[in-house]
Structure formats: C-alpha cells, structure tokens
C-alpha atoms as a PDB file:
ATOM      1  CA  MET A   1    -191.736  69.913-117.938  1.00  0.00           C
ATOM      2  CA  TRP A   2    -192.167  67.926-121.082  1.00  0.00           C
ATOM      3  CA  LEU A   3    -194.677  70.488-122.524  1.00  0.00           C
ATOM      4  CA  LEU A   4    -192.060  73.381-122.285  1.00  0.00           C
ATOM      5  CA  THR A   5    -189.483  71.501-124.165  1.00  0.00           C
ATOM      6  CA  LEU A   6    -192.188  70.816-126.860  1.00  0.00           C
ATOM      7  CA  PHE A   7    -193.548  74.488-126.480  1.00  0.00           C
ATOM      8  CA  LEU A   8    -189.592  75.544-127.092  1.00  0.00           C
ATOM      9  CA  ILE A   9    -188.927  73.220-130.181  1.00  0.00           C
ATOM     10  CA  LEU A  10    -192.358  74.564-131.774  1.00  0.00           C
ATOM     11  CA  ILE A  11    -190.754  77.667-131.137  1.00  0.00           C
ATOM     12  CA  VAL A  12    -187.013  76.800-132.839  1.00  0.00           C
ATOM     13  CA  LEU A  13    -189.030  75.652-135.483  1.00  0.00           C
ATOM     14  CA  PHE A  14    -191.562  78.845-136.069  1.00  0.00           C
ATOM     15  CA  GLY A  15    -188.204  81.103-136.039  1.00  0.00           C
ATOM     16  CA  ALA A  16    -186.425  78.595-138.545  1.00  0.00           C
ATOM     17  CA  TYR A  17    -189.013  78.989-140.814  1.00  0.00           C
ATOM     18  CA  ALA A  18    -189.424  82.604-140.786  1.00  0.00           C
ATOM     19  CA  GLY A  19    -185.465  83.348-141.315  1.00  0.00           C
ATOM     20  CA  TYR A  20    -185.569  80.599-144.059  1.00  0.00           C
ATOM     21  CA  GLN A  21    -188.269  82.522-145.278  1.00  0.00           C
ATOM     22  CA  ASN A  22    -186.422  85.858-145.383  1.00  0.00           C
ATOM     23  CA  TRP A  23    -189.360  87.863-143.213  1.00  0.00           C
ATOM     24  CA  LEU A  24    -186.435  90.235-142.616  1.00  0.00           C
ATOM     25  CA  VAL A  25    -183.879  90.995-144.889  1.00  0.00           C
ATOM     26  CA  PHE A  26    -181.022  93.940-144.841  1.00  0.00           C
ATOM     27  CA  GLU A  27    -182.614  95.962-147.183  1.00  0.00           C
ATOM     28  CA  LYS A  28    -185.471  96.977-145.397  1.00  0.00           C
ATOM     29  CA  LEU A  29    -183.359  97.455-141.832  1.00  0.00           C
ATOM     30  CA  THR A  30    -183.229 101.550-142.411  1.00  0.00           C
ATOM     31  CA  LYS A  31    -182.057 103.547-140.064  1.00  0.00           C
ATOM     32  CA  THR A  32    -185.327 104.608-138.862  1.00  0.00           C
ATOM     33  CA  ASN A  33    -186.939 100.959-138.340  1.00  0.00           C
ATOM     34  CA  LEU A  34    -183.768  99.735-136.307  1.00  0.00           C
ATOM     35  CA  LEU A  35    -184.118 102.885-133.918  1.00  0.00           C
ATOM     36  CA  ASN A  36    -187.729 102.124-133.718  1.00  0.00           C
ATOM     37  CA  GLY A  37    -187.798  98.284-133.220  1.00  0.00           C
ATOM     38  CA  SER A  38    -184.791  99.150-130.465  1.00  0.00           C
ATOM     39  CA  LEU A  39    -187.024 101.458-129.014  1.00  0.00           C
ATOM     40  CA  ILE A  40    -190.230  99.005-128.647  1.00  0.00           C
ATOM     41  CA  ILE A  41    -187.698  96.204-127.082  1.00  0.00           C
ATOM     42  CA  LEU A  42    -186.195  98.271-124.474  1.00  0.00           C
ATOM     43  CA  SER A  43    -189.295  99.411-123.892  1.00  0.00           C
ATOM     44  CA  ILE A  44    -191.116  96.213-123.737  1.00  0.00           C
ATOM     45  CA  PHE A  45    -187.953  94.860-121.110  1.00  0.00           C
ATOM     46  CA  THR A  46    -188.370  97.819-119.243  1.00  0.00           C
ATOM     47  CA  LEU A  47    -191.880  97.128-118.380  1.00  0.00           C
ATOM     48  CA  LEU A  48    -191.004  93.983-117.484  1.00  0.00           C
ATOM     49  CA  MET A  49    -188.284  94.890-115.218  1.00  0.00           C
ATOM     50  CA  VAL A  50    -190.655  96.686-113.381  1.00  0.00           C
ATOM     51  CA  LEU A  51    -193.478  94.413-113.143  1.00  0.00           C
ATOM     52  CA  HIS A  52    -191.057  91.934-111.805  1.00  0.00           C
ATOM     53  CA  SER A  53    -189.559  94.063-109.167  1.00  0.00           C
ATOM     54  CA  PHE A  54    -193.142  94.598-108.423  1.00  0.00           C
ATOM     55  CA  GLY A  55    -193.931  90.957-108.248  1.00  0.00           C
ATOM     56  CA  LEU A  56    -196.159  90.908-111.060  1.00  0.00           C
ATOM     57  CA  PHE A  57    -193.612  89.006-113.423  1.00  0.00           C
ATOM     58  CA  PRO A  58    -192.204  86.434-111.042  1.00  0.00           C
ATOM     59  CA  GLN A  59    -189.548  83.757-112.385  1.00  0.00           C
ATOM     60  CA  SER A  60    -191.487  81.284-112.864  1.00  0.00           C
ATOM     61  CA  ILE A  61    -193.076  82.989-115.718  1.00  0.00           C
ATOM     62  CA  ALA A  62    -189.855  85.034-116.294  1.00  0.00           C
ATOM     63  CA  ALA A  63    -187.582  82.017-117.253  1.00  0.00           C
ATOM     64  CA  PRO A  64    -190.067  80.508-119.792  1.00  0.00           C
ATOM     65  CA  PHE A  65    -190.060  83.731-121.111  1.00  0.00           C
ATOM     66  CA  MET A  66    -186.625  84.651-121.475  1.00  0.00           C
ATOM     67  CA  MET A  67    -186.032  80.622-122.815  1.00  0.00           C
ATOM     68  CA  ALA A  68    -188.770  81.096-125.486  1.00  0.00           C
ATOM     69  CA  ILE A  69    -187.071  84.548-127.055  1.00  0.00           C
ATOM     70  CA  TYR A  70    -183.760  83.038-127.002  1.00  0.00           C
ATOM     71  CA  SER A  71    -184.735  80.051-128.658  1.00  0.00           C
ATOM     72  CA  LEU A  72    -186.614  82.018-131.227  1.00  0.00           C
ATOM     73  CA  ILE A  73    -183.381  84.008-132.063  1.00  0.00           C
ATOM     74  CA  ALA A  74    -181.341  80.996-132.358  1.00  0.00           C
ATOM     75  CA  GLY A  75    -184.278  79.451-134.834  1.00  0.00           C
ATOM     76  CA  PHE A  76    -184.435  82.726-136.532  1.00  0.00           C
ATOM     77  CA  PHE A  77    -180.469  83.150-137.337  1.00  0.00           C
ATOM     78  CA  ALA A  78    -180.104  78.878-138.288  1.00  0.00           C
ATOM     79  CA  GLY A  79    -182.811  79.334-140.857  1.00  0.00           C
ATOM     80  CA  THR A  80    -181.245  82.341-142.289  1.00  0.00           C
ATOM     81  CA  ALA A  81    -178.366  81.037-142.507  1.00  0.00           C
ATOM     82  CA  ASN A  82    -179.046  77.664-143.818  1.00  0.00           C
ATOM     83  CA  LYS A  83    -181.282  79.516-146.395  1.00  0.00           C
ATOM     84  CA  LEU A  84    -178.337  81.897-147.308  1.00  0.00           C
ATOM     85  CA  ILE A  85    -175.896  78.080-147.512  1.00  0.00           C
ATOM     86  CA  GLN A  86    -178.713  76.738-150.723  1.00  0.00           C
ATOM     87  CA  GLN A  87    -178.534  80.345-152.393  1.00  0.00           C
ATOM     88  CA  ARG A  88    -174.743  80.310-152.389  1.00  0.00           C
ATOM     89  CA  GLN A  89    -174.597  76.559-153.597  1.00  0.00           C
ATOM     90  CA  LYS A  90    -177.314  77.564-156.685  1.00  0.00           C
ATOM     91  CA  SER A  91    -175.738  80.849-157.244  1.00  0.00           C
ATOM     92  CA  GLY A  92    -172.922  79.093-159.146  1.00  0.00           C
ATOM     93  CA  ASN A  93    -169.217  79.307-158.557  1.00  0.00           C
ATOM     94  CA  ILE A  94    -166.881  82.927-157.653  1.00  0.00           C
ATOM     95  CA  LEU A  95    -165.832  84.770-160.556  1.00  0.00           C
ATOM     96  CA  TYR A  96    -164.660  88.022-158.435  1.00  0.00           C
ATOM     97  CA  GLN A  97    -165.013  88.469-154.720  1.00  0.00           C
ATOM     98  CA  HIS A  98    -162.585  90.997-153.216  1.00  0.00           C
ATOM     99  CA  ARG A  99    -160.861  89.658-150.806  1.00  0.00           C
ATOM    100  CA  SER A 100    -158.504  90.749-147.222  1.00  0.00           C
ATOM    101  CA  PHE A 101    -158.051  89.339-144.243  1.00  0.00           C
ATOM    102  CA  TRP A 102    -160.993  92.143-142.679  1.00  0.00           C
ATOM    103  CA  VAL A 103    -163.182  90.255-145.718  1.00  0.00           C
ATOM    104  CA  ASP A 104    -162.391  86.807-144.890  1.00  0.00           C
ATOM    105  CA  HIS A 105    -160.938  86.145-141.861  1.00  0.00           C
ATOM    106  CA  ALA A 106    -161.932  88.875-139.299  1.00  0.00           C
ATOM    107  CA  PRO A 107    -165.641  88.233-139.624  1.00  0.00           C
ATOM    108  CA  ASN A 108    -165.320  83.926-139.020  1.00  0.00           C
ATOM    109  CA  LEU A 109    -162.902  84.476-136.140  1.00  0.00           C
ATOM    110  CA  LEU A 110    -165.881  86.540-134.565  1.00  0.00           C
ATOM    111  CA  ALA A 111    -167.813  83.788-135.545  1.00  0.00           C
ATOM    112  CA  VAL A 112    -165.909  80.867-133.725  1.00  0.00           C
ATOM    113  CA  ALA A 113    -165.819  83.098-131.070  1.00  0.00           C
ATOM    114  CA  LEU A 114    -169.768  83.175-130.572  1.00  0.00           C
ATOM    115  CA  ILE A 115    -169.548  79.497-131.075  1.00  0.00           C
ATOM    116  CA  ILE A 116    -167.538  78.879-128.774  1.00  0.00           C
ATOM    117  CA  TYR A 117    -168.768  81.128-126.271  1.00  0.00           C
ATOM    118  CA  GLY A 118    -172.251  79.820-126.832  1.00  0.00           C
ATOM    119  CA  ILE A 119    -170.850  76.237-125.928  1.00  0.00           C
ATOM    120  CA  TYR A 120    -169.417  77.586-123.269  1.00  0.00           C
ATOM    121  CA  ARG A 121    -172.837  79.325-122.175  1.00  0.00           C
ATOM    122  CA  THR A 122    -174.461  75.894-121.758  1.00  0.00           C
ATOM    123  CA  ALA A 123    -172.488  74.913-118.992  1.00  0.00           C
ATOM    124  CA  VAL A 124    -172.411  71.257-120.741  1.00  0.00           C
ATOM    125  CA  PHE A 125    -168.420  70.863-120.946  1.00  0.00           C
ATOM    126  CA  THR A 126    -168.043  73.046-117.248  1.00  0.00           C
ATOM    127  CA  ALA A 127    -169.435  72.476-113.498  1.00  0.00           C
ATOM    128  CA  ASP A 128    -172.175  75.089-113.579  1.00  0.00           C
ATOM    129  CA  PRO A 129    -175.480  73.262-113.068  1.00  0.00           C
ATOM    130  CA  VAL A 130    -177.477  73.450-116.350  1.00  0.00           C
ATOM    131  CA  THR A 131    -180.831  74.544-117.062  1.00  0.00           C
ATOM    132  CA  GLY A 132    -182.981  75.530-119.503  1.00  0.00           C
ATOM    133  CA  ILE A 133    -182.162  79.459-119.841  1.00  0.00           C
ATOM    134  CA  ARG A 134    -178.132  78.603-120.137  1.00  0.00           C
ATOM    135  CA  ILE A 135    -179.546  75.966-122.622  1.00  0.00           C
ATOM    136  CA  SER A 136    -181.267  78.777-125.025  1.00  0.00           C
ATOM    137  CA  SER A 137    -179.209  81.046-124.524  1.00  0.00           C
ATOM    138  CA  GLY A 138    -176.180  79.257-126.011  1.00  0.00           C
ATOM    139  CA  LEU A 139    -177.994  78.237-128.965  1.00  0.00           C
ATOM    140  CA  SER A 140    -178.767  81.731-129.585  1.00  0.00           C
ATOM    141  CA  LEU A 141    -175.286  82.236-129.763  1.00  0.00           C
ATOM    142  CA  MET A 142    -174.119  79.624-131.791  1.00  0.00           C
ATOM    143  CA  CYS A 143    -176.920  80.085-134.294  1.00  0.00           C
ATOM    144  CA  PHE A 144    -175.731  83.547-134.401  1.00  0.00           C
ATOM    145  CA  GLY A 145    -172.006  82.515-135.083  1.00  0.00           C
ATOM    146  CA  PHE A 146    -173.183  80.448-137.793  1.00  0.00           C
ATOM    147  CA  PHE A 147    -174.938  83.175-139.790  1.00  0.00           C
ATOM    148  CA  THR A 148    -172.435  85.817-138.849  1.00  0.00           C
ATOM    149  CA  TRP A 149    -169.796  82.628-140.601  1.00  0.00           C
ATOM    150  CA  THR A 150    -172.380  82.482-143.551  1.00  0.00           C
ATOM    151  CA  LEU A 151    -172.595  86.217-143.994  1.00  0.00           C
ATOM    152  CA  LYS A 152    -170.079  88.473-146.446  1.00  0.00           C
ATOM    153  CA  ALA A 153    -169.991  92.024-146.149  1.00  0.00           C
ATOM    154  CA  VAL A 154    -168.669  92.190-149.526  1.00  0.00           C
ATOM    155  CA  PRO A 155    -170.596  91.192-153.003  1.00  0.00           C
ATOM    156  CA  GLU A 156    -169.657  88.233-154.488  1.00  0.00           C
ATOM    157  CA  PHE A 157    -169.990  87.901-158.525  1.00  0.00           C
ATOM    158  CA  ARG A 158    -170.772  83.912-159.051  1.00  0.00           C
ATOM    159  CA  SER A 159    -171.174  82.566-162.542  1.00  0.00           C
ATOM    160  CA  LYS A 160    -175.203  82.862-162.441  1.00  0.00           C
ATOM    161  CA  GLY A 161    -175.555  86.196-160.583  1.00  0.00           C
ATOM    162  CA  ILE A 162    -174.382  88.449-157.975  1.00  0.00           C
ATOM    163  CA  PHE A 163    -174.907  87.519-154.046  1.00  0.00           C
ATOM    164  CA  PHE A 164    -174.771  90.468-151.597  1.00  0.00           C
ATOM    165  CA  LEU A 165    -175.546  89.551-148.012  1.00  0.00           C
ATOM    166  CA  ASP A 166    -178.713  88.295-148.266  1.00  0.00           C
ATOM    167  CA  ARG A 167    -179.728  88.972-151.652  1.00  0.00           C
ATOM    168  CA  PHE A 168    -178.863  87.159-154.740  1.00  0.00           C
ATOM    169  CA  ILE A 169    -179.055  89.376-157.991  1.00  0.00           C
ATOM    170  CA  PRO A 170    -179.564  87.186-161.151  1.00  0.00           C
ATOM    171  CA  TRP A 171    -177.290  88.677-164.198  1.00  0.00           C
ATOM    172  CA  LYS A 172    -180.398  88.720-166.226  1.00  0.00           C
ATOM    173  CA  GLU A 173    -181.866  91.576-163.801  1.00  0.00           C
ATOM    174  CA  VAL A 174    -178.587  93.682-163.582  1.00  0.00           C
ATOM    175  CA  ILE A 175    -179.131  96.182-166.517  1.00  0.00           C
ATOM    176  CA  ALA A 176    -176.289  98.233-166.253  1.00  0.00           C
ATOM    177  CA  TRP A 177    -172.924  99.140-164.627  1.00  0.00           C
ATOM    178  CA  ARG A 178    -170.575 102.214-164.024  1.00  0.00           C
ATOM    179  CA  TRP A 179    -167.319 103.695-162.407  1.00  0.00           C
ATOM    180  CA  GLN A 180    -168.709 105.884-159.964  1.00  0.00           C
ATOM    181  CA  SER A 181    -165.108 107.386-158.986  1.00  0.00           C
ATOM    182  CA  GLU A 182    -161.957 105.530-159.481  1.00  0.00           C
ATOM    183  CA  THR A 183    -162.175 102.562-156.831  1.00  0.00           C
ATOM    184  CA  VAL A 184    -166.274 102.779-156.338  1.00  0.00           C
ATOM    185  CA  ILE A 185    -168.345 100.709-159.112  1.00  0.00           C
ATOM    186  CA  ALA A 186    -171.792 101.448-159.328  1.00  0.00           C
ATOM    187  CA  ILE A 187    -174.495  98.255-160.461  1.00  0.00           C
ATOM    188  CA  GLU A 188    -177.852  99.198-161.700  1.00  0.00           C
ATOM    189  CA  PHE A 189    -180.243  96.201-161.602  1.00  0.00           C
ATOM    190  CA  VAL A 190    -184.333  95.325-161.956  1.00  0.00           C
ATOM    191  CA  ALA A 191    -185.705  94.672-157.917  1.00  0.00           C
ATOM    192  CA  ASP A 192    -188.555  92.073-157.521  1.00  0.00           C
ATOM    193  CA  ASN A 193    -191.461  92.779-155.489  1.00  0.00           C
ATOM    194  CA  GLU A 194    -191.025  97.040-155.576  1.00  0.00           C
ATOM    195  CA  SER A 195    -193.652  99.595-156.410  1.00  0.00           C
ATOM    196  CA  ALA A 196    -192.963 100.834-160.700  1.00  0.00           C
ATOM    197  CA  ASP A 197    -191.107 103.879-159.000  1.00  0.00           C
ATOM    198  CA  GLU A 198    -188.545 101.900-156.974  1.00  0.00           C
ATOM    199  CA  ARG A 199    -187.774  98.984-159.588  1.00  0.00           C
ATOM    200  CA  ILE A 200    -184.391 100.102-160.405  1.00  0.00           C
ATOM    201  CA  LYS A 201    -181.765  99.809-157.457  1.00  0.00           C
ATOM    202  CA  GLU A 202    -177.982 100.271-157.471  1.00  0.00           C
ATOM    203  CA  LEU A 203    -175.433  98.491-155.588  1.00  0.00           C
ATOM    204  CA  TYR A 204    -172.417 100.357-154.701  1.00  0.00           C
ATOM    205  CA  THR A 205    -168.709  98.590-154.043  1.00  0.00           C
ATOM    206  CA  THR A 206    -165.364  99.457-153.534  1.00  0.00           C
ATOM    207  CA  ILE A 207    -162.366  97.736-156.138  1.00  0.00           C
ATOM    208  CA  PRO A 208    -159.140  97.861-155.373  1.00  0.00           C
ATOM    209  CA  GLU A 209    -156.792  99.606-158.250  1.00  0.00           C
ATOM    210  CA  ASP A 210    -155.298  96.603-159.349  1.00  0.00           C
ATOM    211  CA  GLU A 211    -158.162  94.470-159.618  1.00  0.00           C
ATOM    212  CA  LYS A 212    -160.488  96.727-161.518  1.00  0.00           C
ATOM    213  CA  LYS A 213    -159.648  94.969-164.900  1.00  0.00           C
ATOM    214  CA  GLU A 214    -160.378  91.955-163.470  1.00  0.00           C
ATOM    215  CA  ILE A 215    -164.250  92.501-162.386  1.00  0.00           C
ATOM    216  CA  GLU A 216    -164.446  94.590-166.158  1.00  0.00           C
ATOM    217  CA  ILE A 217    -163.930  91.535-167.628  1.00  0.00           C
ATOM    218  CA  VAL A 218    -166.521  89.508-165.294  1.00  0.00           C
ATOM    219  CA  LEU A 219    -169.150  92.270-166.171  1.00  0.00           C
ATOM    220  CA  LYS A 220    -168.641  92.661-169.456  1.00  0.00           C
ATOM    221  CA  SER A 221    -168.849  89.120-169.995  1.00  0.00           C
ATOM    222  CA  LYS A 222    -172.210  88.366-168.205  1.00  0.00           C
ATOM    223  CA  MET A 223    -173.626  91.450-169.575  1.00  0.00           C
ATOM    224  CA  GLU A 224    -173.029  90.112-173.034  1.00  0.00           C
ATOM    225  CA  GLU A 225    -174.201  86.183-172.183  1.00  0.00           C
ATOM    226  CA  TYR A 226    -177.413  87.243-170.646  1.00  0.00           C
ATOM    227  CA  ALA A 227    -178.086  90.375-173.288  1.00  0.00           C
ATOM    228  CA  ASP A 228    -181.083  88.394-174.595  1.00  0.00           C
ATOM    229  CA  GLU A 229    -182.531  87.464-171.111  1.00  0.00           C
ATOM    230  CA  ARG A 230    -182.383  91.207-170.217  1.00  0.00           C
ATOM    231  CA  LYS A 231    -184.277  92.529-172.862  1.00  0.00           C
ATOM    232  CA  LYS A 232    -187.400  90.536-172.294  1.00  0.00           C
ATOM    233  CA  ILE A 233    -187.525  91.403-168.736  1.00  0.00           C
ATOM    234  CA  LEU A 234    -186.593  95.034-169.716  1.00  0.00           C
ATOM    235  CA  PHE A 235    -189.021  95.275-172.612  1.00  0.00           C
ATOM    236  CA  ARG A 236    -191.459  93.593-169.918  1.00  0.00           C
ATOM    237  CA  GLU A 237    -191.369  96.612-168.080  1.00  0.00           C
ATOM    238  CA  ASP A 238    -192.286  99.069-170.326  1.00  0.00           C
ATOM    239  CA  GLU A 239    -195.779  97.420-171.173  1.00  0.00           C
END
C-alpha cells in the first residue's frame, strides 16, 4: 500500500511540475488539437473498457490506474493555478479590467461548487467508506476548482503588462492598439518562442461604451512609458 501511495505522490508532483512549467497553454488549444485529443482519450478508455469486460484489465489494475490519472490531473491543475497566482502577483496592480457578474462572480461560484463537491467526493465527511479512488477523484475536482478560481475570462490590464488567461504580455512587447469596432479593441504584441512569420500576434477584447475612455488612458500612458524599451525590441527583430 505504501508503494502505491508513494507512486501517487510522485505522480502528483510530476503533474504539478508540468502545470507550473506551462506544458499546456490555451494558445495551443486549437479546435483540431482538442478534437484529436478527445478522440485519443476516448479511444484509450474504450479500449480499456473492452479489455476490462474480457477480464484482461482487472479491477486490481484498473483502480490504481484511475487513481494515477486523477492524481496527475490534480497535480497539473494545482501547479498551473500556483503559476497563475505568481505571475499575477508579479504583473503589478490592476489598472483596468471589465467587471460584471458573469466575469467576476459566476466563475468563482463554479469554482466553489467544484471544490465543495470535491470535498464531498472524498467521503471524508460522509458515512461512505474512504477509498483511494474517492480521495484522488475528489482532489482532482478540488484542484480544478482552484484552477478555475485563478483563471480570468477577460484581460487584466496591469501596471507591468496585460494578463489574459494563462499568458502575461509585458507592456514593452505591446506594439500597437486600435479600435476594431465600436466596442472591440485589438492589441498587437510581439510573441516569444514563435517563428519569424508568427511573431506579431493580436489580442481582441470587448470594452463597454462607458469604459472606452478609461482603457484609452491606460493604453496611451503605457505605450508612452515603455516606448524606448519597445523600440529596442522592434529594432532587434529587424536585425
């Protein structure tokens, strides 16, 4: 039993490391990648169910396998959430962020619901027997809820850059902005770790009519403040 526990702890640590190192980022989650990934996962679990029905994947193996999967998920989301918290702390104070019930409170309510259900799933506070499957699955739900709590669906314009989902864009890498429409603003920035043809990317976000002046003031002041550093980056790109 202690060998299984040690193995699961190592799985959690590996998942946390993978999440903290951003092995999976939202920018790479295209429709094709999501579809292919879903098909692969579905195929694997279908194969395991077939093997289990024929007695080739017995419960003695299936239970530790699922515990390892849940532990990996728990570690990954815990590591990702901690990385987001650290990045957000380093990115400075919020200068502008669109706020509403659906942006602020709805995701947090969902996160709290996931955490509470995760605690319930562990059976620690119920009359149900506590098992490895229940503990590991409950932890995965709680860690996913923690991750949901740290994730924001709209960009945060902070004193040191723009924070959106799991990406931080320093102000010195923001090269231009424009109004795409009456309420949609487009922000161009230099992307790291991309090929030369894909270095310039755009971020689009919706701004309410009554907040347009506020975001314009923030963008104009930051574009001026980081003008010299931005020139160095652009000149380096041209060389």
